[in-house]
């Protein structure tokens, strides 16, 4: 079993476990749907464009964040209920982990595409445009949440996950942007090494 196959097995293990008696299946489907779509896209493009193994690992981590949020809903993840109570917070903040990851992992994907496909010739622009792309993705996802909530009514509230916080949408986008910035500031050199290793293979 090669290392990529291990990641595939771990993906399906996480997906299946998250789908066992979730909070409700409507929310579960909405939350894990991006992971399933992402898997299909990566599977169909694998032969034409293989990402570095580091990027695949982080994509799997992002999928697990979605699986956990889908199983419990983002407002009811037990560990973050404990943190809320222990630190006297007003809400369960697991959704902020999700949105930070929503910026961080797409930044790895976007940056690797920019570099390897030479979409951006000047490296000085790579970091800026990576953050811009990931922030735009976050904005579009907030539009999707808004549309689903309006279309499905009360049943979409768990997907929206505002928990009564009036600035939830804005803070979600901020956390995604922070995640993207953290990636290009702290992980860029590590990713460069992973890309170089892949190109030399």
N, C-alpha and C. Protein backbone atom coordinates (compact mmCIF):
# COMPACT_ATOMS: atom_id res chain seq x y z
N UNK A 1 0.85 -1.19 0.00
CA UNK A 1 0.00 0.00 0.00
C UNK A 1 0.89 1.25 0.00
N UNK A 2 0.79 2.08 -1.06
CA UNK A 2 1.62 3.28 -1.11
C UNK A 2 1.03 4.40 -0.25
N UNK A 3 1.79 5.46 -0.09
CA UNK A 3 1.40 6.52 0.84
C UNK A 3 0.13 7.25 0.40
N UNK A 4 -0.10 7.36 -0.89
CA UNK A 4 -1.32 8.02 -1.36
C UNK A 4 -2.55 7.16 -1.09
N UNK A 5 -2.39 5.86 -1.22
CA UNK A 5 -3.50 4.95 -0.92
C UNK A 5 -3.88 5.02 0.55
N UNK A 6 -2.90 5.19 1.42
CA UNK A 6 -3.16 5.32 2.86
C UNK A 6 -4.04 6.54 3.11
N UNK A 7 -3.75 7.65 2.43
CA UNK A 7 -4.56 8.87 2.59
C UNK A 7 -6.00 8.63 2.12
N UNK A 8 -6.14 7.89 1.02
CA UNK A 8 -7.48 7.58 0.50
C UNK A 8 -8.27 6.74 1.51
N UNK A 9 -7.62 5.73 2.08
CA UNK A 9 -8.27 4.88 3.09
C UNK A 9 -8.68 5.72 4.29
N UNK A 10 -7.79 6.59 4.75
CA UNK A 10 -8.09 7.45 5.90
C UNK A 10 -9.26 8.39 5.59
N UNK A 11 -9.33 8.85 4.35
CA UNK A 11 -10.45 9.71 3.94
C UNK A 11 -11.77 8.99 4.11
N UNK A 12 -11.87 7.78 3.57
CA UNK A 12 -13.13 7.05 3.62
C UNK A 12 -13.47 6.57 5.04
N UNK A 13 -12.44 6.25 5.82
CA UNK A 13 -12.69 5.89 7.23
C UNK A 13 -13.32 7.08 7.96
N UNK A 14 -12.75 8.26 7.78
CA UNK A 14 -13.29 9.45 8.42
C UNK A 14 -14.70 9.78 7.95
N UNK A 15 -14.93 9.64 6.64
CA UNK A 15 -16.24 9.93 6.06
C UNK A 15 -17.30 8.99 6.63
N UNK A 16 -16.99 7.70 6.68
CA UNK A 16 -17.95 6.71 7.17
C UNK A 16 -18.25 6.92 8.64
N UNK A 17 -17.22 7.12 9.44
CA UNK A 17 -17.42 7.32 10.89
C UNK A 17 -18.25 8.58 11.14
N UNK A 18 -17.97 9.64 10.38
CA UNK A 18 -18.73 10.89 10.59
C UNK A 18 -20.20 10.72 10.23
N UNK A 19 -20.49 9.76 9.33
CA UNK A 19 -21.88 9.54 8.91
C UNK A 19 -22.66 8.59 9.79
N UNK A 20 -22.04 8.07 10.87
CA UNK A 20 -22.74 7.18 11.79
C UNK A 20 -23.46 8.00 12.85
N UNK A 21 -24.77 8.00 12.80
CA UNK A 21 -25.62 8.73 13.76
C UNK A 21 -25.18 10.18 13.96
N UNK A 22 -25.10 10.97 12.87
CA UNK A 22 -24.76 12.38 13.04
C UNK A 22 -25.89 13.15 13.70
N UNK A 23 -25.64 14.40 14.01
CA UNK A 23 -26.67 15.26 14.63
C UNK A 23 -27.93 15.27 13.77
N UNK A 24 -27.78 15.49 12.49
CA UNK A 24 -28.87 15.27 11.52
C UNK A 24 -28.24 15.12 10.14
N UNK A 25 -28.84 14.29 9.33
CA UNK A 25 -28.23 13.92 8.05
C UNK A 25 -28.24 15.06 7.04
N UNK A 26 -29.19 15.97 7.14
CA UNK A 26 -29.22 17.11 6.21
C UNK A 26 -27.98 17.97 6.41
N UNK A 27 -27.68 18.31 7.66
CA UNK A 27 -26.49 19.12 7.96
C UNK A 27 -25.23 18.35 7.61
N UNK A 28 -25.21 17.05 7.91
CA UNK A 28 -24.04 16.23 7.61
C UNK A 28 -23.71 16.26 6.12
N UNK A 29 -24.73 16.10 5.29
CA UNK A 29 -24.53 16.11 3.84
C UNK A 29 -23.97 17.46 3.39
N UNK A 30 -24.56 18.53 3.91
CA UNK A 30 -24.09 19.87 3.52
C UNK A 30 -22.64 20.10 3.91
N UNK A 31 -22.26 19.63 5.10
CA UNK A 31 -20.91 19.90 5.60
C UNK A 31 -19.84 19.04 4.94
N UNK A 32 -20.16 17.77 4.65
CA UNK A 32 -19.13 16.89 4.06
C UNK A 32 -19.12 16.94 2.54
N UNK A 33 -20.13 17.57 1.94
CA UNK A 33 -20.22 17.64 0.48
C UNK A 33 -18.97 18.26 -0.16
N UNK A 34 -18.40 19.36 0.38
CA UNK A 34 -17.17 19.90 -0.22
C UNK A 34 -16.02 18.90 -0.22
N UNK A 35 -15.91 18.09 0.85
CA UNK A 35 -14.84 17.09 0.92
C UNK A 35 -15.03 16.03 -0.17
N UNK A 36 -16.26 15.60 -0.37
CA UNK A 36 -16.55 14.59 -1.40
C UNK A 36 -16.25 15.13 -2.79
N UNK A 37 -16.68 16.36 -3.06
CA UNK A 37 -16.41 16.99 -4.36
C UNK A 37 -14.90 17.14 -4.56
N UNK A 38 -14.21 17.57 -3.50
CA UNK A 38 -12.77 17.73 -3.58
C UNK A 38 -12.07 16.41 -3.90
N UNK A 39 -12.53 15.33 -3.26
CA UNK A 39 -11.94 14.01 -3.51
C UNK A 39 -12.13 13.60 -4.97
N UNK A 40 -13.33 13.83 -5.49
CA UNK A 40 -13.62 13.45 -6.88
C UNK A 40 -12.72 14.23 -7.84
N UNK A 41 -12.59 15.54 -7.59
CA UNK A 41 -11.75 16.39 -8.46
C UNK A 41 -10.29 15.92 -8.41
N UNK A 42 -9.79 15.66 -7.21
CA UNK A 42 -8.39 15.22 -7.06
C UNK A 42 -8.17 13.85 -7.70
N UNK A 43 -9.16 12.98 -7.60
CA UNK A 43 -9.04 11.64 -8.19
C UNK A 43 -8.97 11.71 -9.72
N UNK A 44 -9.81 12.58 -10.32
CA UNK A 44 -9.85 12.67 -11.77
C UNK A 44 -8.65 13.42 -12.35
N UNK A 45 -8.03 14.28 -11.54
CA UNK A 45 -6.89 15.06 -12.04
C UNK A 45 -5.55 14.50 -11.59
N UNK A 46 -5.57 13.38 -10.85
CA UNK A 46 -4.34 12.85 -10.24
C UNK A 46 -3.26 12.52 -11.28
N UNK A 47 -3.63 11.94 -12.38
CA UNK A 47 -2.64 11.55 -13.39
C UNK A 47 -2.07 12.77 -14.12
N UNK A 48 -2.89 13.79 -14.29
CA UNK A 48 -2.43 14.98 -15.01
C UNK A 48 -1.65 15.93 -14.11
N UNK A 49 -2.06 16.01 -12.84
CA UNK A 49 -1.38 16.92 -11.92
C UNK A 49 -1.39 16.32 -10.52
N UNK A 50 -0.21 15.91 -10.08
CA UNK A 50 -0.08 15.31 -8.76
C UNK A 50 0.50 16.35 -7.79
N UNK A 51 -0.26 16.69 -6.75
CA UNK A 51 0.21 17.65 -5.76
C UNK A 51 1.32 17.02 -4.91
N UNK A 52 2.06 17.85 -4.21
CA UNK A 52 3.05 17.35 -3.27
C UNK A 52 2.33 16.60 -2.15
N UNK A 53 3.01 15.65 -1.57
CA UNK A 53 2.40 14.83 -0.52
C UNK A 53 1.98 15.68 0.67
N UNK A 54 2.76 16.72 0.98
CA UNK A 54 2.42 17.63 2.07
C UNK A 54 1.05 18.26 1.84
N UNK A 55 0.80 18.69 0.62
CA UNK A 55 -0.50 19.30 0.31
C UNK A 55 -1.63 18.29 0.44
N UNK A 56 -1.41 17.07 -0.01
CA UNK A 56 -2.43 16.04 0.15
C UNK A 56 -2.73 15.76 1.63
N UNK A 57 -1.71 15.75 2.46
CA UNK A 57 -1.91 15.53 3.89
C UNK A 57 -2.79 16.63 4.48
N UNK A 58 -2.49 17.88 4.12
CA UNK A 58 -3.27 19.00 4.66
C UNK A 58 -4.70 19.01 4.12
N UNK A 59 -4.89 18.55 2.89
CA UNK A 59 -6.25 18.41 2.35
C UNK A 59 -7.03 17.40 3.18
N UNK A 60 -6.37 16.29 3.55
CA UNK A 60 -7.03 15.29 4.40
C UNK A 60 -7.38 15.87 5.76
N UNK A 61 -6.48 16.67 6.33
CA UNK A 61 -6.76 17.33 7.62
C UNK A 61 -7.99 18.22 7.49
N UNK A 62 -8.07 18.96 6.40
CA UNK A 62 -9.24 19.81 6.16
C UNK A 62 -10.51 18.98 6.06
N UNK A 63 -10.42 17.83 5.38
CA UNK A 63 -11.58 16.94 5.27
C UNK A 63 -12.05 16.48 6.65
N UNK A 64 -11.11 16.17 7.52
CA UNK A 64 -11.48 15.72 8.87
C UNK A 64 -12.14 16.84 9.67
N UNK A 65 -11.70 18.07 9.46
CA UNK A 65 -12.37 19.21 10.09
C UNK A 65 -13.83 19.26 9.63
N UNK A 66 -14.05 19.04 8.35
CA UNK A 66 -15.41 19.01 7.80
C UNK A 66 -16.21 17.83 8.34
N UNK A 67 -15.57 16.67 8.43
CA UNK A 67 -16.25 15.47 8.93
C UNK A 67 -16.73 15.67 10.37
N UNK A 68 -15.88 16.24 11.20
CA UNK A 68 -16.24 16.48 12.61
C UNK A 68 -17.38 17.49 12.69
N UNK A 69 -17.26 18.57 11.91
CA UNK A 69 -18.32 19.57 11.89
C UNK A 69 -19.63 19.02 11.36
N UNK A 70 -19.54 18.12 10.39
CA UNK A 70 -20.75 17.51 9.85
C UNK A 70 -21.42 16.56 10.83
N UNK A 71 -20.60 15.83 11.58
CA UNK A 71 -21.15 14.85 12.52
C UNK A 71 -21.88 15.53 13.69
N UNK A 72 -21.24 16.53 14.27
CA UNK A 72 -21.81 17.17 15.46
C UNK A 72 -22.59 18.45 15.16
N UNK A 73 -22.38 19.05 14.01
CA UNK A 73 -22.64 20.44 13.63
C UNK A 73 -21.58 21.31 14.30
N UNK A 74 -21.23 22.39 13.65
CA UNK A 74 -20.14 23.22 14.14
C UNK A 74 -20.44 23.87 15.48
N UNK A 75 -21.70 23.99 15.81
CA UNK A 75 -22.07 24.63 17.08
C UNK A 75 -22.08 23.66 18.26
N UNK A 76 -21.88 22.35 17.99
CA UNK A 76 -22.04 21.37 19.07
C UNK A 76 -20.86 20.40 19.20
N UNK A 77 -19.69 20.75 18.67
CA UNK A 77 -18.53 19.87 18.81
C UNK A 77 -18.13 19.81 20.29
N UNK A 78 -18.15 18.61 20.90
CA UNK A 78 -17.99 18.48 22.36
C UNK A 78 -16.75 19.16 22.94
N UNK A 79 -15.61 18.98 22.30
CA UNK A 79 -14.37 19.57 22.84
C UNK A 79 -14.47 21.08 22.92
N UNK A 80 -15.14 21.69 21.95
CA UNK A 80 -15.25 23.14 21.94
C UNK A 80 -16.40 23.62 22.82
N UNK A 81 -17.36 22.76 23.12
CA UNK A 81 -18.32 23.08 24.18
C UNK A 81 -17.59 23.16 25.52
N UNK A 82 -16.65 22.23 25.74
CA UNK A 82 -15.87 22.24 26.97
C UNK A 82 -15.02 23.51 27.06
N UNK A 83 -14.37 23.88 25.96
CA UNK A 83 -13.58 25.11 25.94
C UNK A 83 -14.44 26.33 26.18
N UNK A 84 -15.63 26.34 25.60
CA UNK A 84 -16.56 27.46 25.82
C UNK A 84 -16.87 27.62 27.29
N UNK A 85 -17.19 26.50 27.95
CA UNK A 85 -17.55 26.56 29.37
C UNK A 85 -16.34 26.84 30.25
N UNK A 86 -15.19 26.23 29.91
CA UNK A 86 -14.00 26.39 30.73
C UNK A 86 -13.46 27.81 30.69
N UNK A 87 -13.57 28.45 29.54
CA UNK A 87 -13.02 29.80 29.39
C UNK A 87 -14.11 30.87 29.31
N UNK A 88 -15.34 30.47 29.68
CA UNK A 88 -16.48 31.41 29.76
C UNK A 88 -16.69 32.17 28.45
N UNK A 89 -16.62 31.42 27.35
CA UNK A 89 -16.88 32.01 26.05
C UNK A 89 -18.37 32.04 25.78
N UNK A 90 -18.78 32.87 24.86
CA UNK A 90 -20.21 33.04 24.58
C UNK A 90 -20.74 31.99 23.61
N UNK A 91 -19.84 31.31 22.89
CA UNK A 91 -20.29 30.39 21.85
C UNK A 91 -19.27 29.28 21.65
N UNK A 92 -19.71 28.23 20.94
CA UNK A 92 -18.80 27.17 20.51
C UNK A 92 -18.04 27.68 19.28
N UNK A 93 -16.72 27.75 19.36
CA UNK A 93 -15.93 28.38 18.30
C UNK A 93 -15.25 27.39 17.36
N UNK A 94 -15.77 26.17 17.27
CA UNK A 94 -15.18 25.21 16.34
C UNK A 94 -15.30 25.71 14.89
N UNK A 95 -16.34 26.47 14.60
CA UNK A 95 -16.50 26.97 13.23
C UNK A 95 -15.33 27.86 12.82
N UNK A 96 -14.70 28.53 13.81
CA UNK A 96 -13.55 29.37 13.48
C UNK A 96 -12.34 28.52 13.08
N UNK A 97 -12.23 27.34 13.69
CA UNK A 97 -11.19 26.39 13.26
C UNK A 97 -11.46 26.00 11.81
N UNK A 98 -12.73 25.73 11.52
CA UNK A 98 -13.11 25.36 10.16
C UNK A 98 -12.78 26.44 9.15
N UNK A 99 -13.06 27.69 9.49
CA UNK A 99 -12.82 28.77 8.54
C UNK A 99 -11.34 29.12 8.43
N UNK A 100 -10.59 28.97 9.53
CA UNK A 100 -9.14 29.13 9.45
C UNK A 100 -8.56 28.10 8.48
N UNK A 101 -9.02 26.87 8.62
CA UNK A 101 -8.57 25.79 7.73
C UNK A 101 -9.02 26.05 6.30
N UNK A 102 -10.20 26.65 6.16
CA UNK A 102 -10.74 26.98 4.84
C UNK A 102 -9.84 27.99 4.11
N UNK A 103 -9.07 28.77 4.87
CA UNK A 103 -8.10 29.65 4.26
C UNK A 103 -6.75 29.00 4.10
N UNK A 104 -6.32 28.26 5.12
CA UNK A 104 -4.97 27.69 5.16
C UNK A 104 -4.76 26.64 4.07
N UNK A 105 -5.66 25.67 3.98
CA UNK A 105 -5.46 24.56 3.03
C UNK A 105 -5.65 25.00 1.58
N UNK A 106 -6.71 25.74 1.24
CA UNK A 106 -6.78 26.24 -0.14
C UNK A 106 -5.59 27.12 -0.52
N UNK A 107 -4.96 27.77 0.46
CA UNK A 107 -3.76 28.57 0.17
C UNK A 107 -2.62 27.65 -0.28
N UNK A 108 -2.52 26.47 0.35
CA UNK A 108 -1.49 25.51 -0.07
C UNK A 108 -1.75 25.03 -1.50
N UNK A 109 -3.02 24.76 -1.80
CA UNK A 109 -3.38 24.31 -3.14
C UNK A 109 -3.12 25.41 -4.17
N UNK A 110 -3.61 26.60 -3.87
CA UNK A 110 -3.49 27.73 -4.80
C UNK A 110 -2.02 28.08 -5.04
N UNK A 111 -1.25 28.15 -3.97
CA UNK A 111 0.16 28.53 -4.10
C UNK A 111 0.93 27.49 -4.92
N UNK A 112 0.64 26.21 -4.69
CA UNK A 112 1.33 25.18 -5.45
C UNK A 112 0.96 25.25 -6.93
N UNK A 113 -0.30 25.51 -7.23
CA UNK A 113 -0.72 25.66 -8.62
C UNK A 113 -0.04 26.87 -9.27
N UNK A 114 0.00 27.99 -8.56
CA UNK A 114 0.64 29.19 -9.08
C UNK A 114 2.11 28.92 -9.44
N UNK A 115 2.80 28.23 -8.54
CA UNK A 115 4.24 28.00 -8.73
C UNK A 115 4.51 26.96 -9.81
N UNK A 116 3.87 25.82 -9.72
CA UNK A 116 4.20 24.72 -10.63
C UNK A 116 3.67 24.94 -12.04
N UNK A 117 2.53 25.62 -12.17
CA UNK A 117 2.00 25.91 -13.50
C UNK A 117 2.48 27.26 -14.01
N UNK A 118 3.28 27.93 -13.20
CA UNK A 118 3.85 29.23 -13.56
C UNK A 118 2.77 30.23 -13.96
N UNK A 119 1.68 30.19 -13.20
CA UNK A 119 0.58 31.13 -13.43
C UNK A 119 1.04 32.55 -13.12
N UNK A 120 1.82 32.68 -12.05
CA UNK A 120 2.37 33.97 -11.64
C UNK A 120 3.89 33.87 -11.77
N UNK A 121 4.46 34.73 -12.58
CA UNK A 121 5.90 34.66 -12.86
C UNK A 121 6.74 35.23 -11.72
N UNK A 122 6.27 36.29 -11.11
CA UNK A 122 7.03 36.94 -10.05
C UNK A 122 6.62 36.39 -8.69
N UNK A 123 7.58 35.84 -7.96
CA UNK A 123 7.29 35.24 -6.66
C UNK A 123 6.73 36.27 -5.66
N UNK A 124 7.10 37.55 -5.85
CA UNK A 124 6.61 38.59 -4.93
C UNK A 124 5.09 38.72 -4.97
N UNK A 125 4.48 38.29 -6.10
CA UNK A 125 3.03 38.38 -6.23
C UNK A 125 2.32 37.11 -5.79
N UNK A 126 3.05 36.01 -5.68
CA UNK A 126 2.43 34.73 -5.37
C UNK A 126 1.69 34.77 -4.04
N UNK A 127 2.35 35.27 -2.99
CA UNK A 127 1.73 35.30 -1.66
C UNK A 127 0.48 36.16 -1.66
N UNK A 128 0.57 37.37 -2.24
CA UNK A 128 -0.57 38.29 -2.25
C UNK A 128 -1.76 37.70 -2.99
N UNK A 129 -1.52 37.16 -4.18
CA UNK A 129 -2.62 36.61 -4.98
C UNK A 129 -3.18 35.33 -4.37
N UNK A 130 -2.34 34.56 -3.68
CA UNK A 130 -2.83 33.37 -2.98
C UNK A 130 -3.84 33.76 -1.91
N UNK A 131 -3.50 34.77 -1.12
CA UNK A 131 -4.42 35.24 -0.08
C UNK A 131 -5.70 35.79 -0.70
N UNK A 132 -5.57 36.52 -1.81
CA UNK A 132 -6.75 37.08 -2.49
C UNK A 132 -7.70 35.98 -2.96
N UNK A 133 -7.13 34.93 -3.57
CA UNK A 133 -7.95 33.82 -4.08
C UNK A 133 -8.68 33.13 -2.93
N UNK A 134 -7.96 32.88 -1.83
CA UNK A 134 -8.56 32.15 -0.71
C UNK A 134 -9.61 32.98 0.01
N UNK A 135 -9.40 34.28 0.09
CA UNK A 135 -10.42 35.16 0.68
C UNK A 135 -11.67 35.17 -0.20
N UNK A 136 -11.48 35.17 -1.50
CA UNK A 136 -12.62 35.12 -2.43
C UNK A 136 -13.39 33.81 -2.28
N UNK A 137 -12.66 32.70 -2.12
CA UNK A 137 -13.32 31.41 -1.89
C UNK A 137 -14.18 31.48 -0.63
N UNK A 138 -13.65 32.10 0.43
CA UNK A 138 -14.40 32.23 1.67
C UNK A 138 -15.67 33.07 1.48
N UNK A 139 -15.54 34.15 0.73
CA UNK A 139 -16.70 35.01 0.44
C UNK A 139 -17.78 34.21 -0.30
N UNK A 140 -17.36 33.46 -1.31
CA UNK A 140 -18.31 32.66 -2.09
C UNK A 140 -18.98 31.59 -1.23
N UNK A 141 -18.22 31.02 -0.28
CA UNK A 141 -18.80 30.01 0.61
C UNK A 141 -19.84 30.64 1.54
N UNK A 142 -19.58 31.87 1.98
CA UNK A 142 -20.57 32.57 2.81
C UNK A 142 -21.84 32.84 2.01
N UNK A 143 -21.69 33.17 0.73
CA UNK A 143 -22.86 33.32 -0.14
C UNK A 143 -23.65 32.02 -0.21
N UNK A 144 -22.93 30.90 -0.34
CA UNK A 144 -23.57 29.59 -0.40
C UNK A 144 -24.34 29.30 0.88
N UNK A 145 -23.70 29.55 2.03
CA UNK A 145 -24.38 29.34 3.32
C UNK A 145 -25.65 30.18 3.42
N UNK A 146 -25.56 31.41 2.98
CA UNK A 146 -26.71 32.33 3.01
C UNK A 146 -27.84 31.78 2.14
N UNK A 147 -27.50 31.34 0.92
CA UNK A 147 -28.50 30.81 0.01
C UNK A 147 -29.17 29.56 0.57
N UNK A 148 -28.36 28.63 1.11
CA UNK A 148 -28.90 27.38 1.65
C UNK A 148 -29.81 27.67 2.84
N UNK A 149 -29.40 28.61 3.69
CA UNK A 149 -30.21 28.95 4.86
C UNK A 149 -31.56 29.52 4.46
N UNK A 150 -31.56 30.39 3.44
CA UNK A 150 -32.82 30.97 2.96
C UNK A 150 -33.70 29.91 2.31
N UNK A 151 -33.07 29.04 1.51
CA UNK A 151 -33.82 28.02 0.77
C UNK A 151 -34.40 26.94 1.66
N UNK A 152 -33.67 26.59 2.73
CA UNK A 152 -34.10 25.47 3.57
C UNK A 152 -34.76 25.90 4.88
N UNK A 153 -34.74 27.19 5.16
CA UNK A 153 -35.39 27.69 6.38
C UNK A 153 -34.67 27.24 7.63
N UNK A 154 -35.44 26.85 8.63
CA UNK A 154 -34.88 26.51 9.93
C UNK A 154 -33.92 25.33 9.86
N UNK A 155 -34.14 24.41 8.94
CA UNK A 155 -33.28 23.23 8.84
C UNK A 155 -31.87 23.60 8.38
N UNK A 156 -31.72 24.79 7.83
CA UNK A 156 -30.39 25.22 7.39
C UNK A 156 -29.62 26.00 8.43
N UNK A 157 -30.23 26.24 9.59
CA UNK A 157 -29.58 27.03 10.62
C UNK A 157 -28.29 26.39 11.13
N UNK A 158 -28.28 25.06 11.25
CA UNK A 158 -27.08 24.37 11.73
C UNK A 158 -25.94 24.51 10.74
N UNK A 159 -26.28 24.57 9.45
CA UNK A 159 -25.27 24.76 8.41
C UNK A 159 -24.71 26.18 8.47
N UNK A 160 -25.60 27.15 8.70
CA UNK A 160 -25.17 28.55 8.78
C UNK A 160 -24.32 28.77 10.02
N UNK A 161 -24.75 28.25 11.16
CA UNK A 161 -23.93 28.20 12.36
C UNK A 161 -23.58 29.53 13.00
N UNK A 162 -24.44 30.53 12.89
CA UNK A 162 -24.10 31.84 13.45
C UNK A 162 -24.16 31.87 14.98
N UNK A 163 -24.99 31.01 15.57
CA UNK A 163 -25.15 30.93 17.02
C UNK A 163 -25.52 32.29 17.63
N UNK A 164 -26.27 33.08 16.88
CA UNK A 164 -26.71 34.37 17.39
C UNK A 164 -25.68 35.48 17.32
N UNK A 165 -24.51 35.20 16.73
CA UNK A 165 -23.43 36.19 16.67
C UNK A 165 -23.62 37.04 15.42
N UNK A 166 -23.86 38.33 15.60
CA UNK A 166 -24.23 39.20 14.49
C UNK A 166 -23.09 39.38 13.48
N UNK A 167 -21.85 39.25 13.92
CA UNK A 167 -20.71 39.43 13.03
C UNK A 167 -20.11 38.09 12.58
N UNK A 168 -20.88 37.03 12.63
CA UNK A 168 -20.35 35.71 12.32
C UNK A 168 -19.81 35.62 10.89
N UNK A 169 -20.55 36.12 9.94
CA UNK A 169 -20.14 36.04 8.54
C UNK A 169 -18.82 36.77 8.32
N UNK A 170 -18.73 37.99 8.87
CA UNK A 170 -17.50 38.78 8.69
C UNK A 170 -16.30 38.12 9.38
N UNK A 171 -16.54 37.56 10.58
CA UNK A 171 -15.44 36.92 11.29
C UNK A 171 -15.01 35.62 10.61
N UNK A 172 -15.96 34.92 9.99
CA UNK A 172 -15.62 33.71 9.23
C UNK A 172 -14.65 34.04 8.10
N UNK A 173 -14.95 35.11 7.37
CA UNK A 173 -14.09 35.51 6.26
C UNK A 173 -12.73 35.98 6.78
N UNK A 174 -12.73 36.66 7.90
CA UNK A 174 -11.48 37.11 8.50
C UNK A 174 -10.59 35.93 8.89
N UNK A 175 -11.19 34.93 9.52
CA UNK A 175 -10.41 33.75 9.93
C UNK A 175 -9.85 33.01 8.72
N UNK A 176 -10.61 32.95 7.64
CA UNK A 176 -10.11 32.31 6.42
C UNK A 176 -8.92 33.09 5.87
N UNK A 177 -9.02 34.42 5.88
CA UNK A 177 -7.92 35.24 5.39
C UNK A 177 -6.69 35.08 6.29
N UNK A 178 -6.89 35.03 7.60
CA UNK A 178 -5.79 34.82 8.53
C UNK A 178 -5.13 33.46 8.27
N UNK A 179 -5.96 32.44 8.02
CA UNK A 179 -5.43 31.12 7.71
C UNK A 179 -4.55 31.13 6.47
N UNK A 180 -5.00 31.83 5.42
CA UNK A 180 -4.22 31.93 4.19
C UNK A 180 -2.92 32.68 4.42
N UNK A 181 -2.99 33.76 5.20
CA UNK A 181 -1.78 34.54 5.50
C UNK A 181 -0.79 33.70 6.30
N UNK A 182 -1.28 32.95 7.28
CA UNK A 182 -0.40 32.09 8.08
C UNK A 182 0.30 31.06 7.20
N UNK A 183 -0.43 30.54 6.21
CA UNK A 183 0.18 29.55 5.33
C UNK A 183 1.34 30.16 4.55
N UNK A 184 1.11 31.32 3.91
CA UNK A 184 2.15 31.89 3.05
C UNK A 184 3.31 32.46 3.87
N UNK A 185 3.07 32.80 5.13
CA UNK A 185 4.15 33.34 5.98
C UNK A 185 4.98 32.23 6.62
N UNK A 186 4.29 31.20 7.15
CA UNK A 186 4.98 30.20 7.97
C UNK A 186 5.30 28.89 7.26
N UNK A 187 4.55 28.56 6.21
CA UNK A 187 4.69 27.23 5.59
C UNK A 187 5.27 27.30 4.18
N UNK A 188 5.43 28.49 3.63
CA UNK A 188 5.86 28.63 2.23
C UNK A 188 7.18 27.90 1.96
N UNK A 189 8.17 28.08 2.82
CA UNK A 189 9.47 27.44 2.58
C UNK A 189 9.39 25.92 2.69
N UNK A 190 8.57 25.44 3.62
CA UNK A 190 8.37 23.99 3.75
C UNK A 190 7.70 23.44 2.50
N UNK A 191 6.72 24.18 1.99
CA UNK A 191 6.04 23.75 0.77
C UNK A 191 6.99 23.79 -0.43
N UNK A 192 7.85 24.79 -0.48
CA UNK A 192 8.82 24.87 -1.58
C UNK A 192 9.71 23.63 -1.61
N UNK A 193 10.12 23.17 -0.43
CA UNK A 193 10.96 21.96 -0.35
C UNK A 193 10.18 20.73 -0.82
N UNK A 194 8.90 20.67 -0.44
CA UNK A 194 8.06 19.54 -0.85
C UNK A 194 7.86 19.54 -2.37
N UNK A 195 7.71 20.72 -2.94
CA UNK A 195 7.55 20.84 -4.39
C UNK A 195 8.84 20.44 -5.11
N UNK A 196 9.97 20.90 -4.56
CA UNK A 196 11.27 20.55 -5.17
C UNK A 196 11.50 19.04 -5.13
N UNK A 197 11.14 18.42 -4.01
CA UNK A 197 11.30 16.98 -3.88
C UNK A 197 10.43 16.24 -4.91
N UNK A 198 9.22 16.75 -5.14
CA UNK A 198 8.32 16.13 -6.12
C UNK A 198 8.87 16.27 -7.52
N UNK A 199 9.43 17.44 -7.85
CA UNK A 199 9.94 17.70 -9.19
C UNK A 199 11.20 16.90 -9.48
N UNK A 200 11.95 16.56 -8.43
CA UNK A 200 13.17 15.79 -8.60
C UNK A 200 12.90 14.28 -8.70
N UNK A 201 11.69 13.89 -8.25
CA UNK A 201 11.36 12.45 -8.23
C UNK A 201 11.20 11.89 -9.64
